[in-house]
Amino acid sequence: MEENDKMDQDKTDSSRLHAEVLTLLDNVKGTHGIRSRLSVERNVPIGPYHVDFFDAATGLVIDIDTPSRPTSRKMRHRHIELLPNTTYKTLTINYWDWRRHSRKEEEQMSYLKAVV
């Protein structure tokens, strides 16, 4: 597979994953705790960054580490957590963990409930 074809495939997989996660985040709401208040938006600016998902009510920042991203989200999340006058909580969903452990919708819901 040529490099350009591989990059296009990675972007397609990434977009599909983002759509899957967004749909399931809407359904993962619980009756108590942080999950009872989730109202997630996609591609939101936070400080100097754009994050994959953000919930303003809880301050939850969610990013997906995908194969097309050259670096981990860890440093970026440290910066976000240190922004002045904020109380953001950050969470990373690893692409490979999602694909390896979450093939069925029930498994994906369990995975999200465990990490959120």
N, C-alpha and C. Protein backbone atom coordinates (compact mmCIF):
# COMPACT_ATOMS: atom_id res chain seq x y z
N MET A 1 0.85 -1.18 0.00
CA MET A 1 0.00 0.00 0.00
C MET A 1 0.90 1.24 0.00
N GLU A 2 0.61 2.17 -0.87
CA GLU A 2 1.41 3.38 -0.93
C GLU A 2 1.14 4.27 0.28
N GLU A 3 2.08 5.16 0.55
CA GLU A 3 1.99 6.04 1.72
C GLU A 3 0.71 6.89 1.71
N ASN A 4 0.37 7.47 0.57
CA ASN A 4 -0.85 8.30 0.48
C ASN A 4 -2.11 7.48 0.72
N ASP A 5 -2.13 6.27 0.16
CA ASP A 5 -3.29 5.40 0.37
C ASP A 5 -3.43 5.04 1.84
N LYS A 6 -2.30 4.78 2.49
CA LYS A 6 -2.32 4.43 3.91
C LYS A 6 -2.83 5.61 4.73
N MET A 7 -2.39 6.83 4.42
CA MET A 7 -2.85 8.01 5.15
C MET A 7 -4.36 8.22 4.96
N ASP A 8 -4.84 8.04 3.73
CA ASP A 8 -6.28 8.18 3.47
C ASP A 8 -7.08 7.14 4.26
N GLN A 9 -6.56 5.91 4.31
CA GLN A 9 -7.24 4.86 5.07
C GLN A 9 -7.26 5.18 6.56
N ASP A 10 -6.13 5.68 7.08
CA ASP A 10 -6.06 6.06 8.50
C ASP A 10 -7.08 7.15 8.83
N LYS A 11 -7.22 8.15 7.93
CA LYS A 11 -8.18 9.23 8.16
C LYS A 11 -9.62 8.70 8.14
N THR A 12 -9.91 7.79 7.22
CA THR A 12 -11.24 7.20 7.15
C THR A 12 -11.54 6.41 8.41
N ASP A 13 -10.58 5.59 8.85
CA ASP A 13 -10.76 4.83 10.09
C ASP A 13 -10.95 5.76 11.28
N SER A 14 -10.18 6.85 11.31
CA SER A 14 -10.27 7.81 12.40
C SER A 14 -11.64 8.48 12.43
N SER A 15 -12.15 8.89 11.28
CA SER A 15 -13.47 9.53 11.22
C SER A 15 -14.56 8.57 11.67
N ARG A 16 -14.45 7.32 11.25
CA ARG A 16 -15.42 6.31 11.65
C ARG A 16 -15.38 6.10 13.16
N LEU A 17 -14.17 6.05 13.71
CA LEU A 17 -14.01 5.87 15.15
C LEU A 17 -14.61 7.04 15.91
N HIS A 18 -14.36 8.26 15.45
CA HIS A 18 -14.92 9.44 16.11
C HIS A 18 -16.45 9.38 16.11
N ALA A 19 -17.03 8.98 15.00
CA ALA A 19 -18.49 8.88 14.92
C ALA A 19 -19.00 7.81 15.88
N GLU A 20 -18.31 6.67 15.96
CA GLU A 20 -18.70 5.60 16.88
C GLU A 20 -18.67 6.10 18.32
N VAL A 21 -17.57 6.74 18.69
CA VAL A 21 -17.41 7.20 20.06
C VAL A 21 -18.46 8.26 20.40
N LEU A 22 -18.70 9.20 19.50
CA LEU A 22 -19.69 10.24 19.76
C LEU A 22 -21.08 9.64 19.97
N THR A 23 -21.46 8.71 19.13
CA THR A 23 -22.76 8.06 19.27
C THR A 23 -22.87 7.35 20.62
N LEU A 24 -21.82 6.63 20.99
CA LEU A 24 -21.87 5.89 22.25
C LEU A 24 -21.78 6.82 23.46
N LEU A 25 -21.05 7.92 23.35
CA LEU A 25 -21.01 8.88 24.45
C LEU A 25 -22.40 9.44 24.74
N ASP A 26 -23.18 9.64 23.70
CA ASP A 26 -24.55 10.11 23.89
C ASP A 26 -25.40 9.08 24.64
N ASN A 27 -25.03 7.80 24.49
CA ASN A 27 -25.80 6.72 25.11
C ASN A 27 -25.23 6.25 26.44
N VAL A 28 -24.05 6.71 26.82
CA VAL A 28 -23.38 6.20 28.02
C VAL A 28 -23.83 6.93 29.29
N LYS A 29 -24.71 7.89 29.14
CA LYS A 29 -25.16 8.67 30.30
C LYS A 29 -25.71 7.75 31.38
N GLY A 30 -25.36 8.07 32.60
CA GLY A 30 -25.84 7.30 33.74
C GLY A 30 -26.82 8.12 34.55
N THR A 31 -27.14 7.61 35.72
CA THR A 31 -28.10 8.29 36.58
C THR A 31 -27.43 9.09 37.69
N HIS A 32 -26.11 8.94 37.82
CA HIS A 32 -25.40 9.68 38.87
C HIS A 32 -23.97 9.96 38.43
N GLY A 33 -23.32 10.84 39.14
CA GLY A 33 -21.92 11.15 38.84
C GLY A 33 -21.77 11.91 37.54
N ILE A 34 -20.55 11.90 37.03
CA ILE A 34 -20.23 12.68 35.83
C ILE A 34 -21.05 12.24 34.62
N ARG A 35 -21.36 10.95 34.52
CA ARG A 35 -22.08 10.46 33.35
C ARG A 35 -23.51 10.96 33.28
N SER A 36 -24.08 11.39 34.39
CA SER A 36 -25.46 11.88 34.36
C SER A 36 -25.55 13.27 33.72
N ARG A 37 -24.42 13.95 33.60
CA ARG A 37 -24.43 15.33 33.09
C ARG A 37 -23.77 15.47 31.72
N LEU A 38 -23.39 14.39 31.08
CA LEU A 38 -22.66 14.48 29.81
C LEU A 38 -23.49 15.12 28.70
N SER A 39 -22.90 16.09 28.04
CA SER A 39 -23.46 16.72 26.85
C SER A 39 -22.27 17.08 25.97
N VAL A 40 -21.83 16.13 25.18
CA VAL A 40 -20.55 16.20 24.48
C VAL A 40 -20.67 16.90 23.14
N GLU A 41 -19.70 17.79 22.86
CA GLU A 41 -19.57 18.44 21.56
C GLU A 41 -18.28 17.94 20.92
N ARG A 42 -18.24 17.97 19.59
CA ARG A 42 -17.07 17.48 18.87
C ARG A 42 -16.24 18.63 18.32
N ASN A 43 -14.90 18.43 18.30
CA ASN A 43 -13.94 19.36 17.71
C ASN A 43 -14.07 20.77 18.30
N VAL A 44 -13.79 20.88 19.58
CA VAL A 44 -13.97 22.13 20.32
C VAL A 44 -12.61 22.74 20.65
N PRO A 45 -12.46 24.07 20.48
CA PRO A 45 -11.20 24.71 20.88
C PRO A 45 -11.12 24.84 22.41
N ILE A 46 -10.00 24.39 22.95
CA ILE A 46 -9.70 24.53 24.38
C ILE A 46 -8.31 25.15 24.46
N GLY A 47 -8.23 26.38 24.89
CA GLY A 47 -6.93 27.06 24.89
C GLY A 47 -6.38 27.06 23.47
N PRO A 48 -5.11 26.68 23.29
CA PRO A 48 -4.51 26.68 21.96
C PRO A 48 -4.79 25.40 21.16
N TYR A 49 -5.59 24.50 21.68
CA TYR A 49 -5.82 23.20 21.06
C TYR A 49 -7.27 23.03 20.60
N HIS A 50 -7.47 22.10 19.68
CA HIS A 50 -8.80 21.61 19.34
C HIS A 50 -8.85 20.18 19.85
N VAL A 51 -9.86 19.87 20.65
CA VAL A 51 -9.98 18.53 21.20
C VAL A 51 -11.09 17.78 20.47
N ASP A 52 -11.00 16.46 20.50
CA ASP A 52 -11.99 15.64 19.79
C ASP A 52 -13.39 15.81 20.36
N PHE A 53 -13.50 15.73 21.70
CA PHE A 53 -14.79 15.83 22.35
C PHE A 53 -14.64 16.66 23.62
N PHE A 54 -15.67 17.45 23.92
CA PHE A 54 -15.63 18.26 25.14
C PHE A 54 -17.03 18.38 25.71
N ASP A 55 -17.11 18.27 27.03
CA ASP A 55 -18.36 18.48 27.74
C ASP A 55 -18.17 19.67 28.67
N ALA A 56 -18.81 20.78 28.36
CA ALA A 56 -18.61 22.03 29.12
C ALA A 56 -19.13 21.92 30.55
N ALA A 57 -20.23 21.21 30.76
CA ALA A 57 -20.82 21.13 32.10
C ALA A 57 -19.89 20.43 33.09
N THR A 58 -19.18 19.41 32.64
CA THR A 58 -18.31 18.65 33.53
C THR A 58 -16.84 19.00 33.36
N GLY A 59 -16.49 19.72 32.28
CA GLY A 59 -15.10 20.04 32.00
C GLY A 59 -14.31 18.85 31.48
N LEU A 60 -15.02 17.84 30.98
CA LEU A 60 -14.37 16.63 30.49
C LEU A 60 -13.88 16.82 29.06
N VAL A 61 -12.58 16.58 28.86
CA VAL A 61 -11.94 16.65 27.55
C VAL A 61 -11.59 15.23 27.15
N ILE A 62 -12.04 14.81 25.97
CA ILE A 62 -11.74 13.46 25.48
C ILE A 62 -11.07 13.58 24.13
N ASP A 63 -9.92 12.93 24.01
CA ASP A 63 -9.21 12.84 22.73
C ASP A 63 -9.01 11.37 22.39
N ILE A 64 -8.95 11.10 21.10
CA ILE A 64 -8.68 9.75 20.63
C ILE A 64 -7.28 9.72 20.03
N ASP A 65 -6.44 8.84 20.55
CA ASP A 65 -5.12 8.62 19.97
C ASP A 65 -5.28 7.70 18.78
N THR A 66 -5.17 8.25 17.58
CA THR A 66 -5.34 7.46 16.36
C THR A 66 -3.99 7.24 15.69
N PRO A 67 -3.91 6.24 14.79
CA PRO A 67 -2.63 5.96 14.12
C PRO A 67 -2.12 7.14 13.30
N SER A 68 -3.00 8.03 12.84
CA SER A 68 -2.56 9.15 12.01
C SER A 68 -1.97 10.29 12.82
N ARG A 69 -2.08 10.24 14.14
CA ARG A 69 -1.50 11.29 14.98
C ARG A 69 -0.07 10.91 15.31
N PRO A 70 0.85 11.85 15.11
CA PRO A 70 2.27 11.52 15.29
C PRO A 70 2.70 11.37 16.74
N THR A 71 1.96 11.95 17.67
CA THR A 71 2.36 11.87 19.08
C THR A 71 1.15 11.58 19.96
N SER A 72 1.45 11.15 21.15
CA SER A 72 0.42 10.88 22.14
C SER A 72 -0.23 12.20 22.58
N ARG A 73 -1.39 12.10 23.16
CA ARG A 73 -2.11 13.26 23.65
C ARG A 73 -1.68 13.64 25.07
N LYS A 74 -0.77 12.89 25.68
CA LYS A 74 -0.41 13.11 27.09
C LYS A 74 0.11 14.52 27.37
N MET A 75 1.05 14.99 26.61
CA MET A 75 1.61 16.33 26.85
C MET A 75 0.54 17.40 26.64
N ARG A 76 -0.22 17.24 25.61
CA ARG A 76 -1.30 18.19 25.32
C ARG A 76 -2.29 18.23 26.48
N HIS A 77 -2.63 17.08 27.01
CA HIS A 77 -3.56 17.02 28.13
C HIS A 77 -2.97 17.66 29.38
N ARG A 78 -1.68 17.50 29.59
CA ARG A 78 -1.05 18.19 30.72
C ARG A 78 -1.20 19.70 30.58
N HIS A 79 -0.98 20.19 29.37
CA HIS A 79 -1.13 21.64 29.13
C HIS A 79 -2.57 22.08 29.37
N ILE A 80 -3.52 21.31 28.89
CA ILE A 80 -4.93 21.67 29.07
C ILE A 80 -5.29 21.70 30.55
N GLU A 81 -4.83 20.71 31.31
CA GLU A 81 -5.14 20.66 32.74
C GLU A 81 -4.52 21.82 33.50
N LEU A 82 -3.45 22.40 32.95
CA LEU A 82 -2.76 23.51 33.62
C LEU A 82 -3.22 24.89 33.15
N LEU A 83 -4.18 24.95 32.24
CA LEU A 83 -4.67 26.25 31.79
C LEU A 83 -5.22 27.02 32.98
N PRO A 84 -4.94 28.32 33.04
CA PRO A 84 -5.40 29.12 34.19
C PRO A 84 -6.92 29.18 34.30
N ASN A 85 -7.39 29.20 35.53
CA ASN A 85 -8.82 29.36 35.83
C ASN A 85 -9.70 28.27 35.22
N THR A 86 -9.18 27.06 35.13
CA THR A 86 -9.96 25.94 34.59
C THR A 86 -9.83 24.73 35.51
N THR A 87 -10.77 23.83 35.37
CA THR A 87 -10.72 22.56 36.09
C THR A 87 -11.02 21.42 35.13
N TYR A 88 -10.35 21.41 33.99
CA TYR A 88 -10.59 20.38 32.99
C TYR A 88 -10.08 19.03 33.47
N LYS A 89 -10.84 18.00 33.12
CA LYS A 89 -10.42 16.62 33.33
C LYS A 89 -10.20 16.03 31.95
N THR A 90 -9.07 15.37 31.74
CA THR A 90 -8.76 14.86 30.41
C THR A 90 -8.80 13.34 30.38
N LEU A 91 -9.14 12.83 29.22
CA LEU A 91 -9.25 11.39 29.01
C LEU A 91 -8.80 11.09 27.58
N THR A 92 -8.02 10.04 27.44
CA THR A 92 -7.58 9.60 26.11
C THR A 92 -8.15 8.22 25.84
N ILE A 93 -8.72 8.06 24.66
CA ILE A 93 -9.16 6.74 24.20
C ILE A 93 -8.14 6.28 23.17
N ASN A 94 -7.50 5.17 23.45
CA ASN A 94 -6.48 4.63 22.57
C ASN A 94 -7.14 3.85 21.43
N TYR A 95 -6.79 4.21 20.20
CA TYR A 95 -7.36 3.58 19.01
C TYR A 95 -7.23 2.06 19.06
N TRP A 96 -6.03 1.59 19.37
CA TRP A 96 -5.80 0.14 19.34
C TRP A 96 -6.54 -0.57 20.45
N ASP A 97 -6.64 0.02 21.63
CA ASP A 97 -7.44 -0.59 22.70
C ASP A 97 -8.90 -0.67 22.29
N TRP A 98 -9.39 0.40 21.68
CA TRP A 98 -10.78 0.43 21.23
C TRP A 98 -11.04 -0.68 20.22
N ARG A 99 -10.18 -0.81 19.24
CA ARG A 99 -10.36 -1.82 18.19
C ARG A 99 -10.14 -3.24 18.72
N ARG A 100 -9.18 -3.41 19.60
CA ARG A 100 -8.85 -4.74 20.11
C ARG A 100 -9.91 -5.25 21.08
N HIS A 101 -10.36 -4.40 21.97
CA HIS A 101 -11.24 -4.85 23.05
C HIS A 101 -12.70 -4.50 22.83
N SER A 102 -12.99 -3.76 21.82
CA SER A 102 -14.35 -3.23 21.69
C SER A 102 -14.91 -3.46 20.29
N ARG A 103 -15.14 -4.70 19.97
CA ARG A 103 -15.63 -4.98 18.62
C ARG A 103 -17.16 -4.89 18.53
N LYS A 104 -17.84 -5.21 19.60
CA LYS A 104 -19.30 -5.15 19.59
C LYS A 104 -19.75 -3.90 20.35
N GLU A 105 -20.95 -3.43 20.05
CA GLU A 105 -21.45 -2.21 20.69
C GLU A 105 -21.52 -2.36 22.20
N GLU A 106 -21.90 -3.53 22.70
CA GLU A 106 -21.97 -3.74 24.15
C GLU A 106 -20.59 -3.59 24.78
N GLU A 107 -19.57 -4.13 24.10
CA GLU A 107 -18.20 -4.02 24.61
C GLU A 107 -17.73 -2.57 24.57
N GLN A 108 -18.10 -1.85 23.53
CA GLN A 108 -17.73 -0.44 23.43
C GLN A 108 -18.39 0.36 24.54
N MET A 109 -19.65 0.08 24.84
CA MET A 109 -20.33 0.78 25.93
C MET A 109 -19.65 0.48 27.26
N SER A 110 -19.29 -0.77 27.49
CA SER A 110 -18.61 -1.14 28.73
C SER A 110 -17.27 -0.43 28.84
N TYR A 111 -16.54 -0.38 27.73
CA TYR A 111 -15.25 0.30 27.72
C TYR A 111 -15.42 1.78 28.08
N LEU A 112 -16.37 2.45 27.45
CA LEU A 112 -16.59 3.88 27.73
C LEU A 112 -17.05 4.11 29.17
N LYS A 113 -17.93 3.26 29.65
CA LYS A 113 -18.39 3.40 31.04
C LYS A 113 -17.23 3.25 32.01
N ALA A 114 -16.29 2.37 31.68
CA ALA A 114 -15.14 2.15 32.55
C ALA A 114 -14.20 3.35 32.56
N VAL A 115 -14.03 4.00 31.42
CA VAL A 115 -13.06 5.10 31.35
C VAL A 115 -13.65 6.47 31.65
N VAL A 116 -14.97 6.63 31.49
CA VAL A 116 -15.57 7.95 31.73
C VAL A 116 -15.92 8.06 33.18
